[in-house]
Amino acid sequence: MTIDLRALTGRAVDSAVGGPNAARKTEGKKNPQQTASDSVALTDMASRLMEAEQALGSGSVVDMALVSRVAQALQEGSYEIDAERIAEKILELESRLPAEVGDDG
């Protein structure tokens, strides 16, 4: 199976052989071990990312009603910032993030 990586490397690479000239060497040759169909297994993370992408693509990501309320409050001068709530949300988000690679603490 030839994988076209010209956009990245400037050359095609055969996944079975792997060399830079492998695509040229194997073109036109049939592999007796090759089956009629190929399959791909996605990791759980890839599946979740695909689901998230589909969900985002199916609707608006912006809550326009909230945007309108905030804009109106800003215009009226009545918008209040709750610094403690913001700090709590930042800490909550940080606790959900995975530890950095190489982080010993």
Foldseek 3Di string as FASTA:
>chain_A
DKDDPCVPVVAIADPVVGDRCVCVVCPPPDDPPDDPDDDDDDDPVVVVVVVVVVVPVVDPPDPVVVVVVQVVCVVVVNDDDDVVVVVVVVVVVVVPDDDDVPDPD
